[in-house]
Amino acid sequence: MKILFILLAVMIGIIGLGMWFRFNRLPRPPLKKPEKMLKPQEWSREEVTVGWVGHSTVLMQLYDTRILTDPVLGKRVGESIKWLNRQIGMKRHTEPAVSLSDLERVQLILLSHAHFDHFDVPSLSQLAHEGCYVVTPKNTACLIKHLPFKKVFELGWDEQLEIEELGIKILGVPVKHWGTVTLGTAGTAITVI
């Protein structure tokens, strides 16, 4: 049994090493500029405007309220390794279509679920300020409790939330989509905001 375990571990190591060499030889295109940059400072507060920032990130202006979904603004999406001062994970192909300075007035951030490409803590750290609310699925607020947001709400299946100050109602919709950030936060069903 012990020999079988060692053989299996060696095989997994060889396969992993082979995949690492293969993926490191793949061409890496340079980071592209977006075809069109968003200019939210020019958006009217008297109408509804929506702009795609990149991947799952959308910037909305609902009259006087500015909302951002699933902000992913960095060059990578993945786990931060503090002692290496690096973030590992997938590289983005196109820069965000809005500058960080244009997002200072965001009043509400909606986080749909806890995958790295939707729940990017480094991006949330850059956006955190005392005037911004965050709505996140149940059992995920602990991941950003250290950030200085005005208030972080958790929403479960079929739960509804009203933020009176912004005049907005939000509904948590049940879905079947495996939602985890790390192995310690694994779950099989999640709420999408």
C-alpha atoms as a PDB file:
ATOM      1  CA  MET A   1       0.000   0.000   0.000  1.00  0.00           C
ATOM      2  CA  LYS A   2       2.844   2.367   0.893  1.00  0.00           C
ATOM      3  CA  ILE A   3       4.560   1.718  -2.472  1.00  0.00           C
ATOM      4  CA  LEU A   4       1.299   2.404  -4.318  1.00  0.00           C
ATOM      5  CA  PHE A   5       0.938   5.729  -2.507  1.00  0.00           C
ATOM      6  CA  ILE A   6       4.538   6.736  -3.346  1.00  0.00           C
ATOM      7  CA  LEU A   7       4.062   5.718  -6.993  1.00  0.00           C
ATOM      8  CA  LEU A   8       0.849   7.743  -7.200  1.00  0.00           C
ATOM      9  CA  ALA A   9       2.546  10.798  -5.634  1.00  0.00           C
ATOM     10  CA  VAL A  10       5.446  10.555  -8.113  1.00  0.00           C
ATOM     11  CA  MET A  11       3.025  10.257 -11.070  1.00  0.00           C
ATOM     12  CA  ILE A  12       1.053  13.307  -9.917  1.00  0.00           C
ATOM     13  CA  GLY A  13       4.313  15.234  -9.520  1.00  0.00           C
ATOM     14  CA  ILE A  14       5.477  14.306 -13.031  1.00  0.00           C
ATOM     15  CA  ILE A  15       2.117  15.238 -14.564  1.00  0.00           C
ATOM     16  CA  GLY A  16       2.090  18.551 -12.669  1.00  0.00           C
ATOM     17  CA  LEU A  17       5.640  19.354 -13.753  1.00  0.00           C
ATOM     18  CA  GLY A  18       4.790  18.503 -17.364  1.00  0.00           C
ATOM     19  CA  MET A  19       1.738  20.788 -17.279  1.00  0.00           C
ATOM     20  CA  TRP A  20       3.805  23.599 -15.757  1.00  0.00           C
ATOM     21  CA  PHE A  21       6.398  23.334 -18.562  1.00  0.00           C
ATOM     22  CA  ARG A  22       3.682  23.143 -21.215  1.00  0.00           C
ATOM     23  CA  PHE A  23       1.774  26.194 -19.990  1.00  0.00           C
ATOM     24  CA  ASN A  24       4.937  28.233 -19.524  1.00  0.00           C
ATOM     25  CA  ARG A  25       5.803  27.705 -23.208  1.00  0.00           C
ATOM     26  CA  LEU A  26       2.432  29.009 -24.419  1.00  0.00           C
ATOM     27  CA  PRO A  27       2.545  32.439 -26.054  1.00  0.00           C
ATOM     28  CA  ARG A  28       1.623  35.290 -23.735  1.00  0.00           C
ATOM     29  CA  PRO A  29       0.010  38.155 -25.582  1.00  0.00           C
ATOM     30  CA  PRO A  30       0.683  41.635 -24.202  1.00  0.00           C
ATOM     31  CA  LEU A  31      -1.975  43.329 -22.101  1.00  0.00           C
ATOM     32  CA  LYS A  32      -4.376  45.058 -24.484  1.00  0.00           C
ATOM     33  CA  LYS A  33      -5.946  48.474 -24.054  1.00  0.00           C
ATOM     34  CA  PRO A  34      -9.760  48.480 -24.057  1.00  0.00           C
ATOM     35  CA  GLU A  35     -11.364  49.576 -27.316  1.00  0.00           C
ATOM     36  CA  LYS A  36     -13.228  52.331 -25.510  1.00  0.00           C
ATOM     37  CA  MET A  37     -12.612  53.811 -22.062  1.00  0.00           C
ATOM     38  CA  LEU A  38     -15.624  54.641 -19.901  1.00  0.00           C
ATOM     39  CA  LYS A  39     -15.950  58.253 -18.795  1.00  0.00           C
ATOM     40  CA  PRO A  40     -18.349  58.120 -15.837  1.00  0.00           C
ATOM     41  CA  GLN A  41     -17.541  61.729 -14.922  1.00  0.00           C
ATOM     42  CA  GLU A  42     -19.474  62.674 -18.084  1.00  0.00           C
ATOM     43  CA  TRP A  43     -22.511  60.507 -17.294  1.00  0.00           C
ATOM     44  CA  SER A  44     -25.748  62.309 -16.508  1.00  0.00           C
ATOM     45  CA  ARG A  45     -27.267  61.914 -13.053  1.00  0.00           C
ATOM     46  CA  GLU A  46     -30.688  62.223 -14.642  1.00  0.00           C
ATOM     47  CA  GLU A  47     -30.645  58.926 -16.529  1.00  0.00           C
ATOM     48  CA  VAL A  48     -29.543  55.296 -16.315  1.00  0.00           C
ATOM     49  CA  THR A  49     -26.125  54.491 -17.806  1.00  0.00           C
ATOM     50  CA  VAL A  50     -24.352  51.126 -17.861  1.00  0.00           C
ATOM     51  CA  GLY A  51     -20.775  50.396 -18.950  1.00  0.00           C
ATOM     52  CA  TRP A  52     -18.766  47.186 -19.108  1.00  0.00           C
ATOM     53  CA  VAL A  53     -15.431  47.535 -17.298  1.00  0.00           C
ATOM     54  CA  GLY A  54     -14.129  44.024 -18.007  1.00  0.00           C
ATOM     55  CA  HIS A  55     -14.862  40.347 -17.246  1.00  0.00           C
ATOM     56  CA  SER A  56     -17.634  40.445 -14.623  1.00  0.00           C
ATOM     57  CA  THR A  57     -17.230  44.102 -13.662  1.00  0.00           C
ATOM     58  CA  VAL A  58     -20.003  46.468 -14.704  1.00  0.00           C
ATOM     59  CA  LEU A  59     -20.355  50.118 -13.700  1.00  0.00           C
ATOM     60  CA  MET A  60     -23.915  51.443 -13.461  1.00  0.00           C
ATOM     61  CA  GLN A  61     -25.263  54.866 -12.792  1.00  0.00           C
ATOM     62  CA  LEU A  62     -28.910  54.741 -11.731  1.00  0.00           C
ATOM     63  CA  TYR A  63     -29.676  58.419 -11.738  1.00  0.00           C
ATOM     64  CA  ASP A  64     -27.676  59.683  -8.747  1.00  0.00           C
ATOM     65  CA  THR A  65     -26.461  56.279  -7.496  1.00  0.00           C
ATOM     66  CA  ARG A  66     -23.262  54.696  -8.814  1.00  0.00           C
ATOM     67  CA  ILE A  67     -23.044  50.882  -8.528  1.00  0.00           C
ATOM     68  CA  LEU A  68     -20.178  48.524  -9.352  1.00  0.00           C
ATOM     69  CA  THR A  69     -20.540  44.752  -9.765  1.00  0.00           C
ATOM     70  CA  ASP A  70     -17.827  42.204  -9.010  1.00  0.00           C
ATOM     71  CA  PRO A  71     -14.869  44.610  -9.224  1.00  0.00           C
ATOM     72  CA  VAL A  72     -11.749  43.009 -10.677  1.00  0.00           C
ATOM     73  CA  LEU A  73      -9.235  45.750 -11.455  1.00  0.00           C
ATOM     74  CA  GLY A  74      -5.795  44.196 -11.025  1.00  0.00           C
ATOM     75  CA  LYS A  75      -3.462  42.495 -13.481  1.00  0.00           C
ATOM     76  CA  ARG A  76      -4.162  39.087 -11.923  1.00  0.00           C
ATOM     77  CA  VAL A  77      -7.046  37.327 -10.229  1.00  0.00           C
ATOM     78  CA  GLY A  78      -6.181  34.853  -7.516  1.00  0.00           C
ATOM     79  CA  GLU A  79      -4.692  34.288  -4.115  1.00  0.00           C
ATOM     80  CA  SER A  80      -2.375  36.868  -2.571  1.00  0.00           C
ATOM     81  CA  ILE A  81       0.758  35.415  -1.003  1.00  0.00           C
ATOM     82  CA  LYS A  82       1.835  38.084   1.456  1.00  0.00           C
ATOM     83  CA  TRP A  83       5.259  36.680   2.336  1.00  0.00           C
ATOM     84  CA  LEU A  84       6.148  36.641  -1.387  1.00  0.00           C
ATOM     85  CA  ASN A  85       4.420  39.982  -1.995  1.00  0.00           C
ATOM     86  CA  ARG A  86       2.776  38.414  -5.060  1.00  0.00           C
ATOM     87  CA  GLN A  87      -0.612  37.447  -6.344  1.00  0.00           C
ATOM     88  CA  ILE A  88      -0.886  34.139  -8.150  1.00  0.00           C
ATOM     89  CA  GLY A  89      -3.633  33.338 -10.595  1.00  0.00           C
ATOM     90  CA  MET A  90      -4.891  34.111 -14.062  1.00  0.00           C
ATOM     91  CA  LYS A  91      -3.577  37.207 -15.845  1.00  0.00           C
ATOM     92  CA  ARG A  92      -6.059  39.569 -17.426  1.00  0.00           C
ATOM     93  CA  HIS A  93      -5.971  40.035 -21.204  1.00  0.00           C
ATOM     94  CA  THR A  94      -7.387  43.558 -21.380  1.00  0.00           C
ATOM     95  CA  GLU A  95      -6.972  46.491 -19.007  1.00  0.00           C
ATOM     96  CA  PRO A  96     -10.114  47.690 -17.183  1.00  0.00           C
ATOM     97  CA  ALA A  97     -12.143  50.160 -19.255  1.00  0.00           C
ATOM     98  CA  VAL A  98     -12.180  52.711 -16.426  1.00  0.00           C
ATOM     99  CA  SER A  99      -9.493  54.253 -14.257  1.00  0.00           C
ATOM    100  CA  LEU A 100      -9.504  53.715 -10.514  1.00  0.00           C
ATOM    101  CA  SER A 101      -9.870  57.466  -9.936  1.00  0.00           C
ATOM    102  CA  ASP A 102     -13.190  57.387 -11.832  1.00  0.00           C
ATOM    103  CA  LEU A 103     -14.531  54.865  -9.313  1.00  0.00           C
ATOM    104  CA  GLU A 104     -14.085  57.037  -6.213  1.00  0.00           C
ATOM    105  CA  ARG A 105     -17.762  57.964  -6.167  1.00  0.00           C
ATOM    106  CA  VAL A 106     -19.075  54.369  -6.161  1.00  0.00           C
ATOM    107  CA  GLN A 107     -21.772  54.107  -3.483  1.00  0.00           C
ATOM    108  CA  LEU A 108     -22.644  50.421  -3.770  1.00  0.00           C
ATOM    109  CA  ILE A 109     -20.646  47.324  -4.679  1.00  0.00           C
ATOM    110  CA  LEU A 110     -22.522  44.118  -5.498  1.00  0.00           C
ATOM    111  CA  LEU A 111     -20.566  40.876  -5.141  1.00  0.00           C
ATOM    112  CA  SER A 112     -22.357  38.032  -6.902  1.00  0.00           C
ATOM    113  CA  HIS A 113     -20.403  35.098  -5.464  1.00  0.00           C
ATOM    114  CA  ALA A 114     -17.086  34.209  -3.892  1.00  0.00           C
ATOM    115  CA  HIS A 115     -14.980  33.093  -6.848  1.00  0.00           C
ATOM    116  CA  PHE A 116     -11.693  34.976  -7.272  1.00  0.00           C
ATOM    117  CA  ASP A 117     -12.800  36.433 -10.612  1.00  0.00           C
ATOM    118  CA  HIS A 118     -15.851  38.026  -8.950  1.00  0.00           C
ATOM    119  CA  PHE A 119     -14.703  38.602  -5.355  1.00  0.00           C
ATOM    120  CA  ASP A 120     -11.266  40.181  -5.750  1.00  0.00           C
ATOM    121  CA  VAL A 121     -10.119  41.381  -2.326  1.00  0.00           C
ATOM    122  CA  PRO A 122      -7.184  43.479  -3.660  1.00  0.00           C
ATOM    123  CA  SER A 123      -9.619  45.406  -5.908  1.00  0.00           C
ATOM    124  CA  LEU A 124     -12.064  45.818  -3.028  1.00  0.00           C
ATOM    125  CA  SER A 125      -9.210  47.169  -0.886  1.00  0.00           C
ATOM    126  CA  GLN A 126      -8.565  49.868  -3.483  1.00  0.00           C
ATOM    127  CA  LEU A 127     -12.255  50.817  -3.622  1.00  0.00           C
ATOM    128  CA  ALA A 128     -13.016  50.752   0.116  1.00  0.00           C
ATOM    129  CA  HIS A 129     -14.236  54.026   1.593  1.00  0.00           C
ATOM    130  CA  GLU A 130     -16.649  55.137   4.308  1.00  0.00           C
ATOM    131  CA  GLY A 131     -19.378  56.155   1.857  1.00  0.00           C
ATOM    132  CA  CYS A 132     -19.704  52.797   0.083  1.00  0.00           C
ATOM    133  CA  TYR A 133     -22.063  49.921   0.891  1.00  0.00           C
ATOM    134  CA  VAL A 134     -21.284  46.322  -0.106  1.00  0.00           C
ATOM    135  CA  VAL A 135     -23.804  43.531  -0.663  1.00  0.00           C
ATOM    136  CA  THR A 136     -22.324  40.049  -0.660  1.00  0.00           C
ATOM    137  CA  PRO A 137     -23.694  36.478  -0.410  1.00  0.00           C
ATOM    138  CA  LYS A 138     -24.178  34.806   2.975  1.00  0.00           C
ATOM    139  CA  ASN A 139     -21.044  33.764   4.846  1.00  0.00           C
ATOM    140  CA  THR A 140     -18.653  35.906   2.779  1.00  0.00           C
ATOM    141  CA  ALA A 141     -18.594  39.247   4.639  1.00  0.00           C
ATOM    142  CA  CYS A 142     -15.819  37.860   6.851  1.00  0.00           C
ATOM    143  CA  LEU A 143     -13.485  38.037   3.830  1.00  0.00           C
ATOM    144  CA  ILE A 144     -13.725  41.849   3.712  1.00  0.00           C
ATOM    145  CA  LYS A 145     -14.606  42.804   7.292  1.00  0.00           C
ATOM    146  CA  HIS A 146     -11.179  44.458   7.671  1.00  0.00           C
ATOM    147  CA  LEU A 147     -11.944  46.982   4.908  1.00  0.00           C
ATOM    148  CA  PRO A 148     -13.421  50.414   5.752  1.00  0.00           C
ATOM    149  CA  PHE A 149     -16.773  50.188   3.958  1.00  0.00           C
ATOM    150  CA  LYS A 150     -19.813  52.049   5.301  1.00  0.00           C
ATOM    151  CA  LYS A 151     -21.662  48.767   5.826  1.00  0.00           C
ATOM    152  CA  VAL A 152     -21.394  45.223   4.453  1.00  0.00           C
ATOM    153  CA  PHE A 153     -24.666  43.316   4.057  1.00  0.00           C
ATOM    154  CA  GLU A 154     -24.975  39.565   3.521  1.00  0.00           C
ATOM    155  CA  LEU A 155     -27.853  38.249   1.467  1.00  0.00           C
ATOM    156  CA  GLY A 156     -29.090  34.644   1.311  1.00  0.00           C
ATOM    157  CA  TRP A 157     -31.439  32.804  -0.997  1.00  0.00           C
ATOM    158  CA  ASP A 158     -34.638  34.720  -1.710  1.00  0.00           C
ATOM    159  CA  GLU A 159     -33.731  37.383   0.840  1.00  0.00           C
ATOM    160  CA  GLN A 160     -34.395  40.982  -0.015  1.00  0.00           C
ATOM    161  CA  LEU A 161     -32.553  44.048   1.160  1.00  0.00           C
ATOM    162  CA  GLU A 162     -33.469  47.693   0.896  1.00  0.00           C
ATOM    163  CA  ILE A 163     -30.850  50.408   1.281  1.00  0.00           C
ATOM    164  CA  GLU A 164     -33.097  53.377   1.950  1.00  0.00           C
ATOM    165  CA  GLU A 165     -30.336  55.974   1.673  1.00  0.00           C
ATOM    166  CA  LEU A 166     -29.746  54.892  -1.940  1.00  0.00           C
ATOM    167  CA  GLY A 167     -33.374  54.047  -2.740  1.00  0.00           C
ATOM    168  CA  ILE A 168     -32.431  50.553  -3.921  1.00  0.00           C
ATOM    169  CA  LYS A 169     -33.841  47.060  -3.320  1.00  0.00           C
ATOM    170  CA  ILE A 170     -31.696  43.984  -3.916  1.00  0.00           C
ATOM    171  CA  LEU A 171     -32.770  40.326  -4.147  1.00  0.00           C
ATOM    172  CA  GLY A 172     -30.571  37.267  -3.520  1.00  0.00           C
ATOM    173  CA  VAL A 173     -31.277  34.612  -6.150  1.00  0.00           C
ATOM    174  CA  PRO A 174     -30.485  30.917  -5.517  1.00  0.00           C
ATOM    175  CA  VAL A 175     -28.301  29.187  -8.105  1.00  0.00           C
ATOM    176  CA  LYS A 176     -26.348  25.954  -8.446  1.00  0.00           C
ATOM    177  CA  HIS A 177     -22.796  27.119  -8.900  1.00  0.00           C
ATOM    178  CA  TRP A 178     -19.940  25.876  -6.752  1.00  0.00           C
ATOM    179  CA  GLY A 179     -18.772  28.886  -4.751  1.00  0.00           C
ATOM    180  CA  THR A 180     -15.493  28.953  -2.884  1.00  0.00           C
ATOM    181  CA  VAL A 181     -12.571  31.294  -2.444  1.00  0.00           C
ATOM    182  CA  THR A 182     -10.202  28.925  -0.673  1.00  0.00           C
ATOM    183  CA  LEU A 183     -10.417  25.311   0.428  1.00  0.00           C
ATOM    184  CA  GLY A 184     -11.462  26.491   3.874  1.00  0.00           C
ATOM    185  CA  THR A 185     -14.547  28.271   2.496  1.00  0.00           C
ATOM    186  CA  ALA A 186     -15.844  25.483   0.245  1.00  0.00           C
ATOM    187  CA  GLY A 187     -19.553  25.246  -0.429  1.00  0.00           C
ATOM    188  CA  THR A 188     -21.754  23.591  -3.015  1.00  0.00           C
ATOM    189  CA  ALA A 189     -24.565  26.097  -3.438  1.00  0.00           C
ATOM    190  CA  ILE A 190     -24.421  29.851  -3.364  1.00  0.00           C
ATOM    191  CA  THR A 191     -26.522  32.948  -3.631  1.00  0.00           C
ATOM    192  CA  VAL A 192     -26.057  35.285  -6.541  1.00  0.00           C
ATOM    193  CA  ILE A 193     -26.766  38.935  -5.908  1.00  0.00           C
END
